Amino acid sequence: MAAEHDRTVSTAIRVGDPAREIIRYAEERDVDTIVIGSHGRSFVVRMLLGSVAEAVVRRAPTPVLVVR
């Protein structure tokens, strides 16, 4: 789908804290936008377990698109 719209999509596998590694990758590669999935969990569950998507949105140097 990305190629049909002349867009490039990159994927990578890293080891470590997920939010930190996503942000580090974005900084190293100078990405335009981070696209990340979310389970849409409730506020209480997020407070207990944390949310990678929420951490990325708060700390990323680039725009973040969260997809449910």
PDB file of N, CA and C in Angstrom:
ATOM      1  N   MET A   1       0.814  -1.175   0.000  1.00  0.00           N
ATOM      2  CA  MET A   1       0.000   0.000   0.000  1.00  0.00           C
ATOM      3  C   MET A   1       0.874   1.261   0.000  1.00  0.00           C
ATOM      4  N   ALA A   2       1.951   1.247   0.761  1.00  0.00           N
ATOM      5  CA  ALA A   2       2.838   2.405   0.815  1.00  0.00           C
ATOM      6  C   ALA A   2       3.456   2.695  -0.552  1.00  0.00           C
ATOM      7  N   ALA A   3       3.882   1.649  -1.246  1.00  0.00           N
ATOM      8  CA  ALA A   3       4.502   1.824  -2.564  1.00  0.00           C
ATOM      9  C   ALA A   3       3.523   2.437  -3.559  1.00  0.00           C
ATOM     10  N   GLU A   4       2.255   2.091  -3.451  1.00  0.00           N
ATOM     11  CA  GLU A   4       1.243   2.663  -4.333  1.00  0.00           C
ATOM     12  C   GLU A   4       1.132   4.175  -4.178  1.00  0.00           C
ATOM     13  N   HIS A   5       1.517   4.675  -3.008  1.00  0.00           N
ATOM     14  CA  HIS A   5       1.444   6.107  -2.710  1.00  0.00           C
ATOM     15  C   HIS A   5       2.835   6.737  -2.622  1.00  0.00           C
ATOM     16  N   ASP A   6       3.821   6.062  -3.204  1.00  0.00           N
ATOM     17  CA  ASP A   6       5.203   6.556  -3.252  1.00  0.00           C
ATOM     18  C   ASP A   6       5.751   6.874  -1.855  1.00  0.00           C
ATOM     19  N   ARG A   7       5.543   5.969  -0.916  1.00  0.00           N
ATOM     20  CA  ARG A   7       6.021   6.117   0.458  1.00  0.00           C
ATOM     21  C   ARG A   7       6.949   4.971   0.799  1.00  0.00           C
ATOM     22  N   THR A   8       7.879   5.243   1.702  1.00  0.00           N
ATOM     23  CA  THR A   8       8.809   4.225   2.163  1.00  0.00           C
ATOM     24  C   THR A   8       8.441   3.828   3.589  1.00  0.00           C
ATOM     25  N   VAL A   9       8.417   2.539   3.853  1.00  0.00           N
ATOM     26  CA  VAL A   9       8.138   2.024   5.186  1.00  0.00           C
ATOM     27  C   VAL A   9       9.341   1.216   5.630  1.00  0.00           C
ATOM     28  N   SER A  10       9.788   1.452   6.865  1.00  0.00           N
ATOM     29  CA  SER A  10      10.923   0.712   7.418  1.00  0.00           C
ATOM     30  C   SER A  10      10.480  -0.033   8.660  1.00  0.00           C
ATOM     31  N   THR A  11      11.047  -1.203   8.863  1.00  0.00           N
ATOM     32  CA  THR A  11      10.808  -1.964  10.080  1.00  0.00           C
ATOM     33  C   THR A  11      12.152  -2.370  10.665  1.00  0.00           C
ATOM     34  N   ALA A  12      12.170  -2.609  11.971  1.00  0.00           N
ATOM     35  CA  ALA A  12      13.407  -3.018  12.638  1.00  0.00           C
ATOM     36  C   ALA A  12      13.053  -3.807  13.882  1.00  0.00           C
ATOM     37  N   ILE A  13      13.981  -4.622  14.316  1.00  0.00           N
ATOM     38  CA  ILE A  13      13.837  -5.365  15.570  1.00  0.00           C
ATOM     39  C   ILE A  13      14.975  -4.928  16.474  1.00  0.00           C
ATOM     40  N   ARG A  14      14.631  -4.500  17.676  1.00  0.00           N
ATOM     41  CA  ARG A  14      15.614  -4.057  18.659  1.00  0.00           C
ATOM     42  C   ARG A  14      15.325  -4.725  19.998  1.00  0.00           C
ATOM     43  N   VAL A  15      16.310  -4.743  20.857  1.00  0.00           N
ATOM     44  CA  VAL A  15      16.169  -5.308  22.194  1.00  0.00           C
ATOM     45  C   VAL A  15      16.312  -4.173  23.208  1.00  0.00           C
ATOM     46  N   GLY A  16      15.401  -4.130  24.174  1.00  0.00           N
ATOM     47  CA  GLY A  16      15.479  -3.104  25.214  1.00  0.00           C
ATOM     48  C   GLY A  16      14.093  -2.595  25.554  1.00  0.00           C
ATOM     49  N   ASP A  17      14.063  -1.455  26.244  1.00  0.00           N
ATOM     50  CA  ASP A  17      12.796  -0.813  26.576  1.00  0.00           C
ATOM     51  C   ASP A  17      12.122  -0.379  25.284  1.00  0.00           C
ATOM     52  N   PRO A  18      10.913  -0.865  24.997  1.00  0.00           N
ATOM     53  CA  PRO A  18      10.290  -0.609  23.698  1.00  0.00           C
ATOM     54  C   PRO A  18      10.180   0.874  23.324  1.00  0.00           C
ATOM     55  N   ALA A  19       9.642   1.693  24.217  1.00  0.00           N
ATOM     56  CA  ALA A  19       9.475   3.117  23.897  1.00  0.00           C
ATOM     57  C   ALA A  19      10.823   3.781  23.634  1.00  0.00           C
ATOM     58  N   ARG A  20      11.778   3.497  24.477  1.00  0.00           N
ATOM     59  CA  ARG A  20      13.114   4.098  24.321  1.00  0.00           C
ATOM     60  C   ARG A  20      13.756   3.670  23.009  1.00  0.00           C
ATOM     61  N   GLU A  21      13.621   2.411  22.647  1.00  0.00           N
ATOM     62  CA  GLU A  21      14.231   1.920  21.409  1.00  0.00           C
ATOM     63  C   GLU A  21      13.533   2.480  20.167  1.00  0.00           C
ATOM     64  N   ILE A  22      12.219   2.639  20.229  1.00  0.00           N
ATOM     65  CA  ILE A  22      11.496   3.233  19.104  1.00  0.00           C
ATOM     66  C   ILE A  22      11.957   4.668  18.898  1.00  0.00           C
ATOM     67  N   ILE A  23      12.062   5.412  19.966  1.00  0.00           N
ATOM     68  CA  ILE A  23      12.501   6.808  19.870  1.00  0.00           C
ATOM     69  C   ILE A  23      13.944   6.894  19.401  1.00  0.00           C
ATOM     70  N   ARG A  24      14.797   6.039  19.927  1.00  0.00           N
ATOM     71  CA  ARG A  24      16.206   6.033  19.505  1.00  0.00           C
ATOM     72  C   ARG A  24      16.321   5.731  18.009  1.00  0.00           C
ATOM     73  N   TYR A  25      15.564   4.759  17.542  1.00  0.00           N
ATOM     74  CA  TYR A  25      15.568   4.416  16.118  1.00  0.00           C
ATOM     75  C   TYR A  25      15.121   5.617  15.280  1.00  0.00           C
ATOM     76  N   ALA A  26      14.065   6.279  15.712  1.00  0.00           N
ATOM     77  CA  ALA A  26      13.554   7.444  14.988  1.00  0.00           C
ATOM     78  C   ALA A  26      14.598   8.549  14.910  1.00  0.00           C
ATOM     79  N   GLU A  27      15.323   8.766  16.000  1.00  0.00           N
ATOM     80  CA  GLU A  27      16.372   9.793  16.006  1.00  0.00           C
ATOM     81  C   GLU A  27      17.538   9.402  15.107  1.00  0.00           C
ATOM     82  N   GLU A  28      17.958   8.150  15.164  1.00  0.00           N
ATOM     83  CA  GLU A  28      19.091   7.682  14.357  1.00  0.00           C
ATOM     84  C   GLU A  28      18.790   7.737  12.864  1.00  0.00           C
ATOM     85  N   ARG A  29      17.568   7.437  12.483  1.00  0.00           N
ATOM     86  CA  ARG A  29      17.188   7.351  11.064  1.00  0.00           C
ATOM     87  C   ARG A  29      16.533   8.629  10.549  1.00  0.00           C
ATOM     88  N   ASP A  30      16.347   9.625  11.429  1.00  0.00           N
ATOM     89  CA  ASP A  30      15.720  10.884  11.041  1.00  0.00           C
ATOM     90  C   ASP A  30      14.385  10.643  10.343  1.00  0.00           C
ATOM     91  N   VAL A  31      13.526   9.849  11.000  1.00  0.00           N
ATOM     92  CA  VAL A  31      12.243   9.490  10.397  1.00  0.00           C
ATOM     93  C   VAL A  31      11.286  10.679  10.401  1.00  0.00           C
ATOM     94  N   ASP A  32      10.340  10.663   9.462  1.00  0.00           N
ATOM     95  CA  ASP A  32       9.351  11.733   9.354  1.00  0.00           C
ATOM     96  C   ASP A  32       8.210  11.558  10.339  1.00  0.00           C
ATOM     97  N   THR A  33       7.744  10.322  10.481  1.00  0.00           N
ATOM     98  CA  THR A  33       6.590  10.030  11.325  1.00  0.00           C
ATOM     99  C   THR A  33       6.734   8.629  11.909  1.00  0.00           C
ATOM    100  N   ILE A  34       6.357   8.479  13.159  1.00  0.00           N
ATOM    101  CA  ILE A  34       6.314   7.167  13.803  1.00  0.00           C
ATOM    102  C   ILE A  34       4.860   6.717  13.779  1.00  0.00           C
ATOM    103  N   VAL A  35       4.611   5.523  13.273  1.00  0.00           N
ATOM    104  CA  VAL A  35       3.269   4.940  13.291  1.00  0.00           C
ATOM    105  C   VAL A  35       3.316   3.775  14.263  1.00  0.00           C
ATOM    106  N   ILE A  36       2.433   3.799  15.255  1.00  0.00           N
ATOM    107  CA  ILE A  36       2.462   2.779  16.301  1.00  0.00           C
ATOM    108  C   ILE A  36       1.041   2.329  16.611  1.00  0.00           C
ATOM    109  N   GLY A  37       0.894   1.061  16.908  1.00  0.00           N
ATOM    110  CA  GLY A  37      -0.414   0.509  17.245  1.00  0.00           C
ATOM    111  C   GLY A  37      -0.721   0.666  18.720  1.00  0.00           C
ATOM    112  N   SER A  38      -2.011   0.680  19.025  1.00  0.00           N
ATOM    113  CA  SER A  38      -2.459   0.762  20.411  1.00  0.00           C
ATOM    114  C   SER A  38      -3.605  -0.228  20.607  1.00  0.00           C
ATOM    115  N   HIS A  39      -3.649  -0.842  21.769  1.00  0.00           N
ATOM    116  CA  HIS A  39      -4.732  -1.770  22.084  1.00  0.00           C
ATOM    117  C   HIS A  39      -5.977  -1.040  22.571  1.00  0.00           C
ATOM    118  N   GLY A  40      -5.846   0.252  22.850  1.00  0.00           N
ATOM    119  CA  GLY A  40      -6.998   1.009  23.328  1.00  0.00           C
ATOM    120  C   GLY A  40      -7.415   0.611  24.730  1.00  0.00           C
ATOM    121  N   ARG A  41      -6.464   0.284  25.565  1.00  0.00           N
ATOM    122  CA  ARG A  41      -6.787  -0.138  26.937  1.00  0.00           C
ATOM    123  C   ARG A  41      -7.321   1.034  27.757  1.00  0.00           C
ATOM    124  N   SER A  42      -7.999   0.707  28.826  1.00  0.00           N
ATOM    125  CA  SER A  42      -8.586   1.725  29.688  1.00  0.00           C
ATOM    126  C   SER A  42      -7.506   2.460  30.468  1.00  0.00           C
ATOM    127  N   PHE A  43      -7.892   3.586  31.029  1.00  0.00           N
ATOM    128  CA  PHE A  43      -6.969   4.401  31.818  1.00  0.00           C
ATOM    129  C   PHE A  43      -6.373   3.614  32.983  1.00  0.00           C
ATOM    130  N   VAL A  44      -7.196   2.845  33.664  1.00  0.00           N
ATOM    131  CA  VAL A  44      -6.732   2.083  34.830  1.00  0.00           C
ATOM    132  C   VAL A  44      -5.681   1.053  34.410  1.00  0.00           C
ATOM    133  N   VAL A  45      -5.927   0.337  33.329  1.00  0.00           N
ATOM    134  CA  VAL A  45      -4.978  -0.674  32.855  1.00  0.00           C
ATOM    135  C   VAL A  45      -3.669  -0.004  32.452  1.00  0.00           C
ATOM    136  N   ARG A  46      -3.755   1.143  31.762  1.00  0.00           N
ATOM    137  CA  ARG A  46      -2.534   1.864  31.362  1.00  0.00           C
ATOM    138  C   ARG A  46      -1.730   2.287  32.580  1.00  0.00           C
ATOM    139  N   MET A  47      -2.421   2.743  33.630  1.00  0.00           N
ATOM    140  CA  MET A  47      -1.726   3.187  34.840  1.00  0.00           C
ATOM    141  C   MET A  47      -1.005   2.020  35.516  1.00  0.00           C
ATOM    142  N   LEU A  48      -1.599   0.846  35.472  1.00  0.00           N
ATOM    143  CA  LEU A  48      -1.000  -0.321  36.113  1.00  0.00           C
ATOM    144  C   LEU A  48       0.112  -0.933  35.259  1.00  0.00           C
ATOM    145  N   LEU A  49      -0.100  -1.034  33.961  1.00  0.00           N
ATOM    146  CA  LEU A  49       0.835  -1.724  33.081  1.00  0.00           C
ATOM    147  C   LEU A  49       1.725  -0.789  32.276  1.00  0.00           C
ATOM    148  N   GLY A  50       1.309   0.450  32.091  1.00  0.00           N
ATOM    149  CA  GLY A  50       2.038   1.372  31.236  1.00  0.00           C
ATOM    150  C   GLY A  50       1.601   1.207  29.794  1.00  0.00           C
ATOM    151  N   SER A  51       1.998   2.128  28.955  1.00  0.00           N
ATOM    152  CA  SER A  51       1.629   2.080  27.556  1.00  0.00           C
ATOM    153  C   SER A  51       2.810   2.537  26.718  1.00  0.00           C
ATOM    154  N   VAL A  52       3.283   1.656  25.852  1.00  0.00           N
ATOM    155  CA  VAL A  52       4.395   2.002  24.963  1.00  0.00           C
ATOM    156  C   VAL A  52       3.982   3.152  24.051  1.00  0.00           C
ATOM    157  N   ALA A  53       2.785   3.059  23.480  1.00  0.00           N
ATOM    158  CA  ALA A  53       2.322   4.113  22.577  1.00  0.00           C
ATOM    159  C   ALA A  53       2.276   5.460  23.289  1.00  0.00           C
ATOM    160  N   GLU A  54       1.771   5.482  24.501  1.00  0.00           N
ATOM    161  CA  GLU A  54       1.685   6.734  25.252  1.00  0.00           C
ATOM    162  C   GLU A  54       3.075   7.305  25.539  1.00  0.00           C
ATOM    163  N   ALA A  55       4.014   6.457  25.916  1.00  0.00           N
ATOM    164  CA  ALA A  55       5.379   6.918  26.190  1.00  0.00           C
ATOM    165  C   ALA A  55       6.031   7.471  24.929  1.00  0.00           C
ATOM    166  N   VAL A  56       5.804   6.827  23.795  1.00  0.00           N
ATOM    167  CA  VAL A  56       6.378   7.307  22.537  1.00  0.00           C
ATOM    168  C   VAL A  56       5.768   8.658  22.175  1.00  0.00           C
ATOM    169  N   VAL A  57       4.448   8.783  22.291  1.00  0.00           N
ATOM    170  CA  VAL A  57       3.786  10.053  21.975  1.00  0.00           C
ATOM    171  C   VAL A  57       4.353  11.180  22.829  1.00  0.00           C
ATOM    172  N   ARG A  58       4.568  10.923  24.085  1.00  0.00           N
ATOM    173  CA  ARG A  58       5.051  11.975  25.001  1.00  0.00           C
ATOM    174  C   ARG A  58       6.508  12.366  24.740  1.00  0.00           C
ATOM    175  N   ARG A  59       7.345  11.422  24.306  1.00  0.00           N
ATOM    176  CA  ARG A  59       8.788  11.699  24.243  1.00  0.00           C
ATOM    177  C   ARG A  59       9.377  11.759  22.840  1.00  0.00           C
ATOM    178  N   ALA A  60       8.621  11.421  21.813  1.00  0.00           N
ATOM    179  CA  ALA A  60       9.180  11.340  20.461  1.00  0.00           C
ATOM    180  C   ALA A  60       9.497  12.737  19.906  1.00  0.00           C
ATOM    181  N   PRO A  61      10.586  12.825  19.135  1.00  0.00           N
ATOM    182  CA  PRO A  61      10.971  14.097  18.534  1.00  0.00           C
ATOM    183  C   PRO A  61      10.216  14.384  17.235  1.00  0.00           C
ATOM    184  N   THR A  62       9.411  13.433  16.772  1.00  0.00           N
ATOM    185  CA  THR A  62       8.693  13.567  15.509  1.00  0.00           C
ATOM    186  C   THR A  62       7.197  13.326  15.746  1.00  0.00           C
ATOM    187  N   PRO A  63       6.366  13.635  14.776  1.00  0.00           N
ATOM    188  CA  PRO A  63       4.939  13.326  14.924  1.00  0.00           C
ATOM    189  C   PRO A  63       4.723  11.815  15.065  1.00  0.00           C
ATOM    190  N   VAL A  64       3.710  11.457  15.837  1.00  0.00           N
ATOM    191  CA  VAL A  64       3.384  10.046  16.071  1.00  0.00           C
ATOM    192  C   VAL A  64       1.926   9.833  15.691  1.00  0.00           C
ATOM    193  N   LEU A  65       1.680   8.826  14.860  1.00  0.00           N
ATOM    194  CA  LEU A  65       0.329   8.436  14.483  1.00  0.00           C
ATOM    195  C   LEU A  65       0.021   7.135  15.224  1.00  0.00           C
ATOM    196  N   VAL A  66      -0.990   7.183  16.101  1.00  0.00           N
ATOM    197  CA  VAL A  66      -1.384   6.006  16.865  1.00  0.00           C
ATOM    198  C   VAL A  66      -2.602   5.397  16.189  1.00  0.00           C
ATOM    199  N   VAL A  67      -2.488   4.117  15.851  1.00  0.00           N
ATOM    200  CA  VAL A  67      -3.551   3.402  15.153  1.00  0.00           C
ATOM    201  C   VAL A  67      -4.108   2.338  16.090  1.00  0.00           C
ATOM    202  N   ARG A  68      -5.405   2.305  16.228  1.00  0.00           N
ATOM    203  CA  ARG A  68      -6.044   1.324  17.100  1.00  0.00           C
ATOM    204  C   ARG A  68      -6.107  -0.026  16.429  1.00  0.00           C
TER     205      ARG A  68
END
